[in-house]
Amino acid sequence: MRKYAATLLLLFIVSACAQLGLEAPQTPAQKVAAGYATAEAINRSTTALLNGKKISSADAQHVLDSTRSARKGLDIAKTLDPKAADAKIQAQQAVLKALQDYLTSKGG
């Protein structure tokens, strides 16, 4: 069930954006910006879980290192043609999704 929590949250956000007249990210630049925002949210959740003693320092460091890596991938995507950028962004989104799922499993 928790595996679907992040997906449901994303669907809720997209739905809420649509109801507010906001569109989901479409262009590579918009997707990169959304990726940066997701990475930042993951970092905040990681800090909260660490402070709440729900994850270890080593786990928190691994998550933070992984979000840094994903951000670097998003940086690279900004320099690519649209098709290659989309592939790079999708790969980074998969990393971020896995991190979100992990944090959700720990109560985040």
N, C-alpha and C. Protein backbone atom coordinates (compact mmCIF):
# COMPACT_ATOMS: atom_id res chain seq x y z
N MET A 1 0.82 -1.19 0.00
CA MET A 1 0.00 0.00 0.00
C MET A 1 0.87 1.25 0.00
N ARG A 2 1.94 1.24 0.79
CA ARG A 2 2.81 2.41 0.87
C ARG A 2 3.50 2.68 -0.46
N LYS A 3 3.68 1.61 -1.25
CA LYS A 3 4.32 1.79 -2.55
C LYS A 3 3.50 2.73 -3.42
N TYR A 4 2.22 2.72 -3.21
CA TYR A 4 1.33 3.52 -4.03
C TYR A 4 1.10 4.91 -3.45
N ALA A 5 1.56 5.15 -2.23
CA ALA A 5 1.31 6.44 -1.58
C ALA A 5 1.93 7.59 -2.36
N ALA A 6 3.17 7.43 -2.80
CA ALA A 6 3.83 8.51 -3.55
C ALA A 6 3.13 8.74 -4.88
N THR A 7 2.72 7.67 -5.53
CA THR A 7 2.01 7.80 -6.80
C THR A 7 0.68 8.51 -6.58
N LEU A 8 -0.04 8.12 -5.54
CA LEU A 8 -1.31 8.76 -5.24
C LEU A 8 -1.10 10.23 -4.90
N LEU A 9 -0.04 10.53 -4.17
CA LEU A 9 0.27 11.91 -3.84
C LEU A 9 0.55 12.71 -5.10
N LEU A 10 1.33 12.14 -6.01
CA LEU A 10 1.62 12.81 -7.27
C LEU A 10 0.35 13.05 -8.06
N LEU A 11 -0.52 12.04 -8.13
CA LEU A 11 -1.79 12.21 -8.84
C LEU A 11 -2.65 13.28 -8.19
N PHE A 12 -2.64 13.31 -6.87
CA PHE A 12 -3.38 14.34 -6.15
C PHE A 12 -2.85 15.72 -6.48
N ILE A 13 -1.54 15.86 -6.49
CA ILE A 13 -0.92 17.15 -6.79
C ILE A 13 -1.25 17.58 -8.21
N VAL A 14 -1.11 16.66 -9.16
CA VAL A 14 -1.43 16.98 -10.56
C VAL A 14 -2.90 17.37 -10.68
N SER A 15 -3.76 16.63 -9.99
CA SER A 15 -5.19 16.94 -10.02
C SER A 15 -5.46 18.30 -9.40
N ALA A 16 -4.82 18.57 -8.28
CA ALA A 16 -5.00 19.86 -7.61
C ALA A 16 -4.49 20.99 -8.50
N CYS A 17 -3.38 20.77 -9.17
CA CYS A 17 -2.85 21.78 -10.09
C CYS A 17 -3.85 22.06 -11.21
N ALA A 18 -4.43 20.99 -11.73
CA ALA A 18 -5.41 21.15 -12.81
C ALA A 18 -6.63 21.93 -12.31
N GLN A 19 -7.07 21.65 -11.09
CA GLN A 19 -8.22 22.35 -10.55
C GLN A 19 -7.91 23.82 -10.30
N LEU A 20 -6.66 24.12 -10.01
CA LEU A 20 -6.26 25.51 -9.79
C LEU A 20 -5.89 26.21 -11.09
N GLY A 21 -5.97 25.47 -12.18
CA GLY A 21 -5.62 26.05 -13.47
C GLY A 21 -4.13 25.96 -13.77
N LEU A 22 -3.40 25.23 -12.96
CA LEU A 22 -1.96 25.05 -13.18
C LEU A 22 -1.74 23.76 -13.96
N GLU A 23 -0.78 23.80 -14.85
CA GLU A 23 -0.49 22.62 -15.66
C GLU A 23 0.66 21.83 -15.05
N ALA A 24 0.63 20.52 -15.26
CA ALA A 24 1.75 19.67 -14.85
C ALA A 24 2.94 20.02 -15.74
N PRO A 25 4.15 19.80 -15.26
CA PRO A 25 5.33 20.12 -16.06
C PRO A 25 5.29 19.41 -17.41
N GLN A 26 5.52 20.16 -18.47
CA GLN A 26 5.48 19.60 -19.82
C GLN A 26 6.84 19.66 -20.50
N THR A 27 7.50 20.79 -20.40
CA THR A 27 8.77 20.97 -21.11
C THR A 27 9.91 20.40 -20.27
N PRO A 28 11.04 20.11 -20.90
CA PRO A 28 12.19 19.65 -20.12
C PRO A 28 12.57 20.63 -19.00
N ALA A 29 12.52 21.92 -19.27
CA ALA A 29 12.87 22.90 -18.24
C ALA A 29 11.91 22.83 -17.06
N GLN A 30 10.62 22.67 -17.33
CA GLN A 30 9.63 22.54 -16.27
C GLN A 30 9.84 21.26 -15.48
N LYS A 31 10.17 20.19 -16.18
CA LYS A 31 10.40 18.90 -15.51
C LYS A 31 11.64 18.95 -14.64
N VAL A 32 12.68 19.65 -15.12
CA VAL A 32 13.90 19.82 -14.32
C VAL A 32 13.56 20.60 -13.04
N ALA A 33 12.80 21.67 -13.18
CA ALA A 33 12.42 22.47 -12.02
C ALA A 33 11.62 21.63 -11.02
N ALA A 34 10.71 20.81 -11.52
CA ALA A 34 9.94 19.94 -10.65
C ALA A 34 10.85 18.92 -9.96
N GLY A 35 11.84 18.43 -10.68
CA GLY A 35 12.80 17.50 -10.10
C GLY A 35 13.59 18.13 -8.96
N TYR A 36 14.02 19.38 -9.17
CA TYR A 36 14.73 20.10 -8.11
C TYR A 36 13.84 20.26 -6.88
N ALA A 37 12.57 20.60 -7.10
CA ALA A 37 11.65 20.76 -5.98
C ALA A 37 11.43 19.44 -5.25
N THR A 38 11.35 18.36 -6.00
CA THR A 38 11.19 17.04 -5.38
C THR A 38 12.41 16.68 -4.55
N ALA A 39 13.60 16.94 -5.09
CA ALA A 39 14.83 16.66 -4.35
C ALA A 39 14.88 17.46 -3.05
N GLU A 40 14.47 18.71 -3.11
CA GLU A 40 14.46 19.55 -1.91
C GLU A 40 13.47 19.00 -0.87
N ALA A 41 12.31 18.57 -1.33
CA ALA A 41 11.32 18.00 -0.41
C ALA A 41 11.85 16.71 0.23
N ILE A 42 12.55 15.91 -0.55
CA ILE A 42 13.15 14.68 -0.03
C ILE A 42 14.18 15.02 1.03
N ASN A 43 15.00 16.03 0.78
CA ASN A 43 16.01 16.42 1.76
C ASN A 43 15.36 16.89 3.06
N ARG A 44 14.27 17.65 2.95
CA ARG A 44 13.57 18.11 4.17
C ARG A 44 12.98 16.93 4.93
N SER A 45 12.38 15.99 4.20
CA SER A 45 11.81 14.80 4.85
C SER A 45 12.90 13.97 5.53
N THR A 46 14.03 13.87 4.85
CA THR A 46 15.15 13.11 5.41
C THR A 46 15.61 13.72 6.73
N THR A 47 15.74 15.04 6.75
CA THR A 47 16.15 15.73 7.97
C THR A 47 15.14 15.51 9.09
N ALA A 48 13.86 15.59 8.76
CA ALA A 48 12.82 15.38 9.77
C ALA A 48 12.86 13.95 10.31
N LEU A 49 13.03 12.98 9.42
CA LEU A 49 13.09 11.58 9.86
C LEU A 49 14.34 11.32 10.70
N LEU A 50 15.45 11.93 10.33
CA LEU A 50 16.67 11.77 11.11
C LEU A 50 16.48 12.39 12.49
N ASN A 51 15.94 13.60 12.54
CA ASN A 51 15.71 14.25 13.83
C ASN A 51 14.71 13.49 14.68
N GLY A 52 13.77 12.80 14.04
CA GLY A 52 12.79 11.99 14.76
C GLY A 52 13.29 10.58 15.07
N LYS A 53 14.56 10.33 14.72
CA LYS A 53 15.21 9.04 14.97
C LYS A 53 14.50 7.87 14.28
N LYS A 54 13.92 8.16 13.11
CA LYS A 54 13.26 7.10 12.35
C LYS A 54 14.20 6.49 11.31
N ILE A 55 15.29 7.21 11.00
CA ILE A 55 16.34 6.67 10.13
C ILE A 55 17.68 6.98 10.76
N SER A 56 18.66 6.18 10.38
CA SER A 56 20.01 6.37 10.92
C SER A 56 20.74 7.48 10.19
N SER A 57 21.83 7.92 10.78
CA SER A 57 22.67 8.94 10.13
C SER A 57 23.20 8.42 8.80
N ALA A 58 23.56 7.15 8.77
CA ALA A 58 24.08 6.56 7.52
C ALA A 58 23.01 6.55 6.44
N ASP A 59 21.77 6.19 6.81
CA ASP A 59 20.67 6.22 5.85
C ASP A 59 20.42 7.63 5.35
N ALA A 60 20.41 8.59 6.26
CA ALA A 60 20.19 9.98 5.88
C ALA A 60 21.28 10.45 4.92
N GLN A 61 22.51 10.10 5.21
CA GLN A 61 23.61 10.51 4.34
C GLN A 61 23.47 9.89 2.96
N HIS A 62 23.06 8.63 2.92
CA HIS A 62 22.86 7.97 1.63
C HIS A 62 21.76 8.67 0.82
N VAL A 63 20.67 9.03 1.47
CA VAL A 63 19.58 9.72 0.78
C VAL A 63 20.07 11.07 0.26
N LEU A 64 20.77 11.82 1.11
CA LEU A 64 21.26 13.13 0.69
C LEU A 64 22.26 13.01 -0.46
N ASP A 65 23.14 12.03 -0.40
CA ASP A 65 24.08 11.81 -1.50
C ASP A 65 23.33 11.46 -2.79
N SER A 66 22.29 10.66 -2.65
CA SER A 66 21.50 10.27 -3.83
C SER A 66 20.75 11.45 -4.43
N THR A 67 20.23 12.33 -3.59
CA THR A 67 19.54 13.51 -4.14
C THR A 67 20.54 14.45 -4.81
N ARG A 68 21.74 14.54 -4.26
CA ARG A 68 22.78 15.35 -4.93
C ARG A 68 23.10 14.78 -6.31
N SER A 69 23.19 13.48 -6.38
CA SER A 69 23.47 12.83 -7.66
C SER A 69 22.33 13.08 -8.65
N ALA A 70 21.10 12.98 -8.18
CA ALA A 70 19.94 13.23 -9.04
C ALA A 70 19.94 14.68 -9.53
N ARG A 71 20.29 15.60 -8.64
CA ARG A 71 20.35 17.02 -9.04
C ARG A 71 21.43 17.23 -10.10
N LYS A 72 22.55 16.54 -9.96
CA LYS A 72 23.60 16.65 -10.99
C LYS A 72 23.09 16.11 -12.32
N GLY A 73 22.32 15.02 -12.28
CA GLY A 73 21.72 14.48 -13.49
C GLY A 73 20.76 15.47 -14.12
N LEU A 74 19.99 16.16 -13.28
CA LEU A 74 19.07 17.19 -13.79
C LEU A 74 19.84 18.35 -14.40
N ASP A 75 20.98 18.70 -13.78
CA ASP A 75 21.83 19.75 -14.34
C ASP A 75 22.30 19.36 -15.74
N ILE A 76 22.70 18.11 -15.90
CA ILE A 76 23.14 17.62 -17.20
C ILE A 76 22.00 17.67 -18.21
N ALA A 77 20.80 17.30 -17.77
CA ALA A 77 19.64 17.28 -18.66
C ALA A 77 19.39 18.65 -19.28
N LYS A 78 19.70 19.71 -18.54
CA LYS A 78 19.49 21.06 -19.06
C LYS A 78 20.37 21.36 -20.26
N THR A 79 21.45 20.61 -20.44
CA THR A 79 22.39 20.88 -21.54
C THR A 79 22.12 20.01 -22.76
N LEU A 80 21.15 19.12 -22.68
CA LEU A 80 20.91 18.15 -23.74
C LEU A 80 19.77 18.59 -24.66
N ASP A 81 19.70 17.95 -25.83
CA ASP A 81 18.56 18.19 -26.72
C ASP A 81 17.31 17.62 -26.04
N PRO A 82 16.12 18.06 -26.45
CA PRO A 82 14.89 17.66 -25.74
C PRO A 82 14.69 16.16 -25.56
N LYS A 83 14.97 15.36 -26.58
CA LYS A 83 14.74 13.92 -26.47
C LYS A 83 15.70 13.29 -25.45
N ALA A 84 16.97 13.65 -25.55
CA ALA A 84 17.96 13.13 -24.59
C ALA A 84 17.69 13.66 -23.19
N ALA A 85 17.26 14.92 -23.11
CA ALA A 85 16.94 15.51 -21.80
C ALA A 85 15.80 14.75 -21.15
N ASP A 86 14.78 14.42 -21.93
CA ASP A 86 13.65 13.67 -21.38
C ASP A 86 14.09 12.33 -20.80
N ALA A 87 14.96 11.63 -21.51
CA ALA A 87 15.45 10.34 -21.02
C ALA A 87 16.23 10.52 -19.72
N LYS A 88 17.09 11.55 -19.67
CA LYS A 88 17.88 11.81 -18.47
C LYS A 88 16.98 12.19 -17.31
N ILE A 89 15.98 13.02 -17.58
CA ILE A 89 15.05 13.44 -16.54
C ILE A 89 14.28 12.24 -16.00
N GLN A 90 13.82 11.37 -16.88
CA GLN A 90 13.09 10.18 -16.44
C GLN A 90 13.95 9.31 -15.53
N ALA A 91 15.22 9.18 -15.86
CA ALA A 91 16.13 8.39 -15.02
C ALA A 91 16.27 9.02 -13.63
N GLN A 92 16.38 10.34 -13.59
CA GLN A 92 16.52 11.02 -12.30
C GLN A 92 15.22 10.96 -11.51
N GLN A 93 14.09 11.04 -12.21
CA GLN A 93 12.79 10.91 -11.54
C GLN A 93 12.64 9.53 -10.91
N ALA A 94 13.17 8.51 -11.56
CA ALA A 94 13.10 7.16 -11.01
C ALA A 94 13.90 7.07 -9.71
N VAL A 95 15.06 7.70 -9.69
CA VAL A 95 15.88 7.73 -8.46
C VAL A 95 15.12 8.45 -7.36
N LEU A 96 14.57 9.61 -7.68
CA LEU A 96 13.85 10.39 -6.68
C LEU A 96 12.62 9.64 -6.18
N LYS A 97 11.94 8.94 -7.08
CA LYS A 97 10.77 8.14 -6.68
C LYS A 97 11.18 7.04 -5.71
N ALA A 98 12.29 6.38 -5.99
CA ALA A 98 12.77 5.33 -5.09
C ALA A 98 13.10 5.90 -3.71
N LEU A 99 13.70 7.07 -3.68
CA LEU A 99 14.01 7.72 -2.40
C LEU A 99 12.72 8.09 -1.66
N GLN A 100 11.73 8.61 -2.39
CA GLN A 100 10.45 8.94 -1.77
C GLN A 100 9.80 7.69 -1.18
N ASP A 101 9.84 6.61 -1.93
CA ASP A 101 9.25 5.35 -1.45
C ASP A 101 9.94 4.88 -0.18
N TYR A 102 11.26 4.98 -0.15
CA TYR A 102 12.01 4.58 1.03
C TYR A 102 11.61 5.42 2.23
N LEU A 103 11.57 6.75 2.04
CA LEU A 103 11.22 7.63 3.15
C LEU A 103 9.78 7.38 3.61
N THR A 104 8.89 7.12 2.68
CA THR A 104 7.50 6.81 3.04
C THR A 104 7.44 5.56 3.90
N SER A 105 8.27 4.58 3.56
CA SER A 105 8.29 3.34 4.34
C SER A 105 8.81 3.55 5.77
N LYS A 106 9.53 4.64 5.96
CA LYS A 106 10.07 4.96 7.28
C LYS A 106 9.20 5.95 8.04
N GLY A 107 8.08 6.30 7.44
CA GLY A 107 7.15 7.20 8.13
C GLY A 107 7.20 8.62 7.64
N GLY A 108 7.88 8.86 6.54
CA GLY A 108 8.00 10.24 6.02
C GLY A 108 6.97 10.58 5.00
